[in-house]
Amino acid sequence: MPTIALIAHDDKKDDLVAFIQHHLNIFQRCTLLGTGTTGGRIYDETGLAVRRMLSGPLGGDAQIAALVAEGQIDAVIFLLDPLNAHPHEPDIQGLLRVCNVHNVPLATNLATAQMILDTLMAA
């Protein structure tokens, strides 16, 4: 059962929830964790258990980065909003860097999220 971290910027939360609802049968077989607000939305709208970290701007992205570095996360789906600035950009870049350093699959859009799901389920 893979462990997947789920994060989405505010303008992308609806997209992430819709993606999860569309693939509910897959996500039900995964261990999920997410940042505070995103994890809450996922739970409220799907009923899936999500281990919630702090909200992204309060350190949730950094908490997830630490778990990636410890080898506790198999993949990260982080739907970014590239059109708006984010005050916690250093934490976001830190998470992206840690995923790259530790060779953990990272999706920043729905197309790559689909590819990650397909690969995890084929393994």
N, C-alpha and C. Protein backbone atom coordinates (compact mmCIF):
# COMPACT_ATOMS: atom_id res chain seq x y z
N MET A 1 0.85 -1.18 0.00
CA MET A 1 0.00 0.00 0.00
C MET A 1 0.89 1.24 0.00
N PRO A 2 0.91 1.99 -1.09
CA PRO A 2 1.79 3.17 -1.16
C PRO A 2 1.30 4.31 -0.27
N THR A 3 2.25 5.12 0.16
CA THR A 3 1.95 6.32 0.93
C THR A 3 2.12 7.52 0.00
N ILE A 4 1.05 8.30 -0.12
CA ILE A 4 1.03 9.45 -1.03
C ILE A 4 0.74 10.72 -0.25
N ALA A 5 1.58 11.73 -0.47
CA ALA A 5 1.33 13.05 0.10
C ALA A 5 0.52 13.87 -0.90
N LEU A 6 -0.50 14.56 -0.39
CA LEU A 6 -1.42 15.33 -1.23
C LEU A 6 -1.43 16.78 -0.78
N ILE A 7 -1.11 17.67 -1.71
CA ILE A 7 -1.03 19.10 -1.42
C ILE A 7 -1.59 19.84 -2.63
N ALA A 8 -2.28 20.94 -2.40
CA ALA A 8 -2.75 21.76 -3.51
C ALA A 8 -2.86 23.21 -3.06
N HIS A 9 -2.40 24.10 -3.91
CA HIS A 9 -2.63 25.52 -3.65
C HIS A 9 -4.12 25.80 -3.72
N ASP A 10 -4.55 26.91 -3.13
CA ASP A 10 -5.98 27.21 -3.00
C ASP A 10 -6.73 27.09 -4.32
N ASP A 11 -6.19 27.64 -5.40
CA ASP A 11 -6.88 27.61 -6.68
C ASP A 11 -6.87 26.23 -7.34
N LYS A 12 -6.17 25.27 -6.73
CA LYS A 12 -6.07 23.91 -7.29
C LYS A 12 -6.73 22.85 -6.41
N LYS A 13 -7.25 23.25 -5.25
CA LYS A 13 -7.85 22.27 -4.34
C LYS A 13 -9.05 21.56 -4.97
N ASP A 14 -9.90 22.29 -5.67
CA ASP A 14 -11.05 21.66 -6.32
C ASP A 14 -10.60 20.61 -7.34
N ASP A 15 -9.54 20.93 -8.09
CA ASP A 15 -9.01 19.98 -9.08
C ASP A 15 -8.50 18.71 -8.40
N LEU A 16 -7.79 18.87 -7.28
CA LEU A 16 -7.26 17.70 -6.58
C LEU A 16 -8.39 16.84 -6.03
N VAL A 17 -9.37 17.46 -5.41
CA VAL A 17 -10.50 16.70 -4.86
C VAL A 17 -11.23 15.95 -5.98
N ALA A 18 -11.46 16.60 -7.10
CA ALA A 18 -12.12 15.94 -8.23
C ALA A 18 -11.30 14.76 -8.74
N PHE A 19 -9.98 14.92 -8.81
CA PHE A 19 -9.08 13.85 -9.25
C PHE A 19 -9.18 12.67 -8.29
N ILE A 20 -9.17 12.95 -7.01
CA ILE A 20 -9.27 11.87 -6.01
C ILE A 20 -10.63 11.19 -6.11
N GLN A 21 -11.70 11.95 -6.24
CA GLN A 21 -13.03 11.35 -6.37
C GLN A 21 -13.11 10.45 -7.60
N HIS A 22 -12.48 10.86 -8.69
CA HIS A 22 -12.49 10.07 -9.93
C HIS A 22 -11.71 8.76 -9.76
N HIS A 23 -10.71 8.78 -8.87
CA HIS A 23 -9.87 7.60 -8.64
C HIS A 23 -10.02 7.08 -7.21
N LEU A 24 -11.20 7.20 -6.67
CA LEU A 24 -11.44 6.85 -5.27
C LEU A 24 -11.03 5.41 -4.96
N ASN A 25 -11.31 4.49 -5.90
CA ASN A 25 -10.97 3.08 -5.66
C ASN A 25 -9.46 2.88 -5.48
N ILE A 26 -8.66 3.71 -6.10
CA ILE A 26 -7.20 3.62 -5.94
C ILE A 26 -6.77 4.27 -4.63
N PHE A 27 -7.25 5.47 -4.37
CA PHE A 27 -6.84 6.19 -3.17
C PHE A 27 -7.29 5.48 -1.90
N GLN A 28 -8.37 4.70 -1.97
CA GLN A 28 -8.82 3.94 -0.80
C GLN A 28 -7.80 2.88 -0.39
N ARG A 29 -6.93 2.49 -1.30
CA ARG A 29 -5.91 1.47 -1.02
C ARG A 29 -4.56 2.07 -0.65
N CYS A 30 -4.52 3.38 -0.47
CA CYS A 30 -3.26 4.07 -0.16
C CYS A 30 -3.31 4.66 1.23
N THR A 31 -2.14 4.88 1.79
CA THR A 31 -2.01 5.69 3.00
C THR A 31 -1.83 7.12 2.53
N LEU A 32 -2.67 8.01 3.03
CA LEU A 32 -2.66 9.39 2.56
C LEU A 32 -2.26 10.34 3.67
N LEU A 33 -1.50 11.36 3.28
CA LEU A 33 -1.25 12.46 4.18
C LEU A 33 -1.25 13.74 3.37
N GLY A 34 -1.50 14.82 4.04
CA GLY A 34 -1.60 16.09 3.33
C GLY A 34 -1.40 17.27 4.27
N THR A 35 -1.28 18.42 3.67
CA THR A 35 -1.22 19.63 4.47
C THR A 35 -2.60 19.86 5.09
N GLY A 36 -2.66 20.71 6.08
CA GLY A 36 -3.87 20.87 6.88
C GLY A 36 -5.14 21.15 6.11
N THR A 37 -5.15 22.22 5.35
CA THR A 37 -6.36 22.61 4.63
C THR A 37 -6.69 21.63 3.53
N THR A 38 -5.69 21.22 2.77
CA THR A 38 -5.93 20.26 1.69
C THR A 38 -6.43 18.94 2.25
N GLY A 39 -5.79 18.44 3.28
CA GLY A 39 -6.22 17.19 3.90
C GLY A 39 -7.64 17.26 4.43
N GLY A 40 -7.99 18.41 5.01
CA GLY A 40 -9.36 18.60 5.50
C GLY A 40 -10.38 18.57 4.39
N ARG A 41 -10.07 19.22 3.30
CA ARG A 41 -10.98 19.22 2.14
C ARG A 41 -11.16 17.81 1.60
N ILE A 42 -10.06 17.08 1.49
CA ILE A 42 -10.14 15.71 0.96
C ILE A 42 -11.03 14.86 1.87
N TYR A 43 -10.81 14.95 3.17
CA TYR A 43 -11.63 14.17 4.11
C TYR A 43 -13.10 14.59 4.02
N ASP A 44 -13.36 15.88 4.03
CA ASP A 44 -14.74 16.37 4.00
C ASP A 44 -15.49 15.93 2.75
N GLU A 45 -14.79 15.88 1.63
CA GLU A 45 -15.47 15.63 0.36
C GLU A 45 -15.39 14.19 -0.14
N THR A 46 -14.51 13.38 0.49
CA THR A 46 -14.40 11.99 0.05
C THR A 46 -14.57 10.99 1.19
N GLY A 47 -14.38 11.44 2.42
CA GLY A 47 -14.43 10.54 3.56
C GLY A 47 -13.16 9.74 3.77
N LEU A 48 -12.14 9.96 2.93
CA LEU A 48 -10.88 9.23 3.06
C LEU A 48 -10.10 9.72 4.28
N ALA A 49 -9.47 8.79 4.96
CA ALA A 49 -8.61 9.15 6.08
C ALA A 49 -7.34 9.80 5.55
N VAL A 50 -7.03 10.97 6.05
CA VAL A 50 -5.83 11.70 5.63
C VAL A 50 -5.10 12.16 6.90
N ARG A 51 -3.86 11.73 7.05
CA ARG A 51 -3.05 12.25 8.15
C ARG A 51 -2.69 13.68 7.82
N ARG A 52 -3.15 14.60 8.65
CA ARG A 52 -2.99 16.02 8.35
C ARG A 52 -1.80 16.62 9.06
N MET A 53 -0.96 17.28 8.26
CA MET A 53 0.15 18.07 8.78
C MET A 53 -0.37 19.49 9.02
N LEU A 54 0.52 20.39 9.32
CA LEU A 54 0.15 21.80 9.41
C LEU A 54 -0.24 22.31 8.03
N SER A 55 -0.92 23.43 8.00
CA SER A 55 -1.19 24.11 6.74
C SER A 55 0.15 24.46 6.09
N GLY A 56 0.18 24.50 4.75
CA GLY A 56 1.43 24.79 4.03
C GLY A 56 2.16 26.02 4.53
N PRO A 57 1.50 27.17 4.62
CA PRO A 57 2.19 28.38 5.07
C PRO A 57 2.68 28.32 6.52
N LEU A 58 2.14 27.37 7.30
CA LEU A 58 2.54 27.24 8.70
C LEU A 58 3.58 26.15 8.92
N GLY A 59 4.09 25.55 7.82
CA GLY A 59 5.14 24.56 7.94
C GLY A 59 4.78 23.16 7.44
N GLY A 60 3.57 22.99 6.93
CA GLY A 60 3.15 21.67 6.46
C GLY A 60 3.98 21.13 5.31
N ASP A 61 4.36 22.01 4.38
CA ASP A 61 5.21 21.56 3.27
C ASP A 61 6.55 21.06 3.79
N ALA A 62 7.09 21.76 4.79
CA ALA A 62 8.37 21.36 5.38
C ALA A 62 8.22 20.03 6.13
N GLN A 63 7.09 19.83 6.81
CA GLN A 63 6.87 18.55 7.49
C GLN A 63 6.84 17.40 6.49
N ILE A 64 6.17 17.61 5.37
CA ILE A 64 6.11 16.57 4.35
C ILE A 64 7.49 16.34 3.75
N ALA A 65 8.25 17.40 3.54
CA ALA A 65 9.62 17.26 3.02
C ALA A 65 10.46 16.39 3.97
N ALA A 66 10.30 16.57 5.27
CA ALA A 66 11.04 15.76 6.24
C ALA A 66 10.67 14.28 6.10
N LEU A 67 9.39 13.99 5.91
CA LEU A 67 8.96 12.60 5.75
C LEU A 67 9.48 12.00 4.45
N VAL A 68 9.56 12.82 3.40
CA VAL A 68 10.16 12.35 2.14
C VAL A 68 11.62 11.99 2.39
N ALA A 69 12.35 12.86 3.09
CA ALA A 69 13.76 12.63 3.36
C ALA A 69 13.98 11.38 4.21
N GLU A 70 13.02 11.06 5.07
CA GLU A 70 13.10 9.88 5.92
C GLU A 70 12.66 8.61 5.20
N GLY A 71 12.23 8.73 3.94
CA GLY A 71 11.82 7.56 3.18
C GLY A 71 10.43 7.05 3.50
N GLN A 72 9.60 7.89 4.10
CA GLN A 72 8.26 7.47 4.51
C GLN A 72 7.17 7.76 3.49
N ILE A 73 7.51 8.41 2.39
CA ILE A 73 6.52 8.77 1.37
C ILE A 73 6.96 8.20 0.03
N ASP A 74 6.03 7.55 -0.67
CA ASP A 74 6.32 6.93 -1.96
C ASP A 74 6.13 7.88 -3.13
N ALA A 75 5.25 8.87 -2.99
CA ALA A 75 4.98 9.82 -4.07
C ALA A 75 4.33 11.07 -3.47
N VAL A 76 4.52 12.18 -4.17
CA VAL A 76 3.91 13.46 -3.77
C VAL A 76 3.11 14.00 -4.95
N ILE A 77 1.86 14.34 -4.67
CA ILE A 77 1.04 15.06 -5.65
C ILE A 77 0.82 16.45 -5.06
N PHE A 78 1.43 17.44 -5.70
CA PHE A 78 1.38 18.82 -5.23
C PHE A 78 0.93 19.68 -6.41
N LEU A 79 -0.36 19.96 -6.47
CA LEU A 79 -0.89 20.77 -7.57
C LEU A 79 -0.58 22.23 -7.29
N LEU A 80 0.36 22.75 -8.04
CA LEU A 80 0.84 24.13 -7.89
C LEU A 80 -0.02 25.10 -8.68
N ASP A 81 -0.14 26.29 -8.16
CA ASP A 81 -0.74 27.40 -8.90
C ASP A 81 0.40 28.28 -9.38
N PRO A 82 0.82 28.12 -10.63
CA PRO A 82 1.99 28.85 -11.12
C PRO A 82 1.72 30.33 -11.42
N LEU A 83 0.47 30.74 -11.33
CA LEU A 83 0.12 32.11 -11.71
C LEU A 83 0.05 33.08 -10.54
N ASN A 84 0.21 32.57 -9.32
CA ASN A 84 0.15 33.43 -8.14
C ASN A 84 1.37 33.22 -7.26
N ALA A 85 1.79 34.29 -6.59
CA ALA A 85 2.91 34.22 -5.65
C ALA A 85 2.43 33.60 -4.34
N HIS A 86 3.33 32.94 -3.65
CA HIS A 86 3.00 32.29 -2.38
C HIS A 86 4.05 32.68 -1.35
N PRO A 87 3.61 33.16 -0.18
CA PRO A 87 4.56 33.66 0.81
C PRO A 87 5.50 32.58 1.35
N HIS A 88 5.10 31.33 1.27
CA HIS A 88 5.94 30.25 1.78
C HIS A 88 6.70 29.54 0.64
N GLU A 89 7.03 30.29 -0.39
CA GLU A 89 7.76 29.75 -1.56
C GLU A 89 9.03 28.99 -1.18
N PRO A 90 9.81 29.47 -0.20
CA PRO A 90 11.01 28.68 0.17
C PRO A 90 10.67 27.26 0.64
N ASP A 91 9.57 27.10 1.38
CA ASP A 91 9.17 25.76 1.82
C ASP A 91 8.74 24.91 0.63
N ILE A 92 8.05 25.52 -0.32
CA ILE A 92 7.62 24.79 -1.53
C ILE A 92 8.84 24.32 -2.30
N GLN A 93 9.79 25.22 -2.52
CA GLN A 93 11.01 24.85 -3.24
C GLN A 93 11.80 23.79 -2.48
N GLY A 94 11.79 23.87 -1.17
CA GLY A 94 12.47 22.87 -0.36
C GLY A 94 11.87 21.48 -0.54
N LEU A 95 10.55 21.41 -0.58
CA LEU A 95 9.88 20.12 -0.80
C LEU A 95 10.21 19.58 -2.18
N LEU A 96 10.16 20.43 -3.19
CA LEU A 96 10.49 19.99 -4.55
C LEU A 96 11.93 19.48 -4.61
N ARG A 97 12.83 20.19 -3.96
CA ARG A 97 14.24 19.79 -3.95
C ARG A 97 14.42 18.44 -3.26
N VAL A 98 13.79 18.25 -2.11
CA VAL A 98 13.93 16.99 -1.38
C VAL A 98 13.38 15.82 -2.20
N CYS A 99 12.27 16.03 -2.90
CA CYS A 99 11.75 14.97 -3.78
C CYS A 99 12.77 14.61 -4.85
N ASN A 100 13.42 15.61 -5.41
CA ASN A 100 14.43 15.35 -6.44
C ASN A 100 15.68 14.68 -5.86
N VAL A 101 16.13 15.13 -4.71
CA VAL A 101 17.32 14.55 -4.08
C VAL A 101 17.09 13.07 -3.75
N HIS A 102 15.88 12.75 -3.27
CA HIS A 102 15.58 11.39 -2.83
C HIS A 102 14.85 10.56 -3.89
N ASN A 103 14.75 11.11 -5.09
CA ASN A 103 14.16 10.39 -6.22
C ASN A 103 12.74 9.89 -5.93
N VAL A 104 11.94 10.76 -5.32
CA VAL A 104 10.54 10.45 -5.02
C VAL A 104 9.68 11.08 -6.11
N PRO A 105 8.81 10.29 -6.73
CA PRO A 105 7.95 10.85 -7.78
C PRO A 105 7.15 12.04 -7.27
N LEU A 106 7.11 13.09 -8.09
CA LEU A 106 6.46 14.34 -7.73
C LEU A 106 5.61 14.82 -8.90
N ALA A 107 4.32 14.98 -8.67
CA ALA A 107 3.43 15.52 -9.70
C ALA A 107 3.04 16.93 -9.30
N THR A 108 3.17 17.87 -10.24
CA THR A 108 2.75 19.24 -9.97
C THR A 108 1.55 19.63 -10.83
N ASN A 109 1.04 18.67 -11.61
CA ASN A 109 -0.17 18.90 -12.40
C ASN A 109 -0.91 17.57 -12.53
N LEU A 110 -2.13 17.63 -13.05
CA LEU A 110 -2.96 16.42 -13.11
C LEU A 110 -2.43 15.37 -14.07
N ALA A 111 -1.78 15.79 -15.14
CA ALA A 111 -1.25 14.80 -16.10
C ALA A 111 -0.18 13.94 -15.43
N THR A 112 0.73 14.55 -14.69
CA THR A 112 1.76 13.75 -14.03
C THR A 112 1.19 13.00 -12.83
N ALA A 113 0.18 13.55 -12.19
CA ALA A 113 -0.49 12.82 -11.10
C ALA A 113 -1.07 11.51 -11.62
N GLN A 114 -1.69 11.56 -12.79
CA GLN A 114 -2.25 10.35 -13.39
C GLN A 114 -1.15 9.33 -13.69
N MET A 115 -0.03 9.80 -14.20
CA MET A 115 1.08 8.89 -14.50
C MET A 115 1.63 8.24 -13.23
N ILE A 116 1.71 9.00 -12.16
CA ILE A 116 2.18 8.43 -10.89
C ILE A 116 1.22 7.37 -10.40
N LEU A 117 -0.08 7.66 -10.43
CA LEU A 117 -1.07 6.65 -9.99
C LEU A 117 -0.96 5.39 -10.82
N ASP A 118 -0.88 5.55 -12.14
CA ASP A 118 -0.78 4.39 -13.03
C ASP A 118 0.44 3.54 -12.68
N THR A 119 1.56 4.19 -12.43
CA THR A 119 2.80 3.48 -12.11
C THR A 119 2.73 2.80 -10.75
N LEU A 120 2.20 3.49 -9.74
CA LEU A 120 2.10 2.89 -8.41
C LEU A 120 1.18 1.67 -8.42
N MET A 121 0.12 1.74 -9.17
CA MET A 121 -0.84 0.64 -9.19
C MET A 121 -0.34 -0.53 -10.03
N ALA A 122 0.58 -0.28 -10.94
CA ALA A 122 1.13 -1.36 -11.76
C ALA A 122 2.24 -2.11 -11.03
N ALA A 123 2.80 -1.49 -10.01
CA ALA A 123 3.93 -2.10 -9.29
C ALA A 123 3.49 -3.26 -8.42
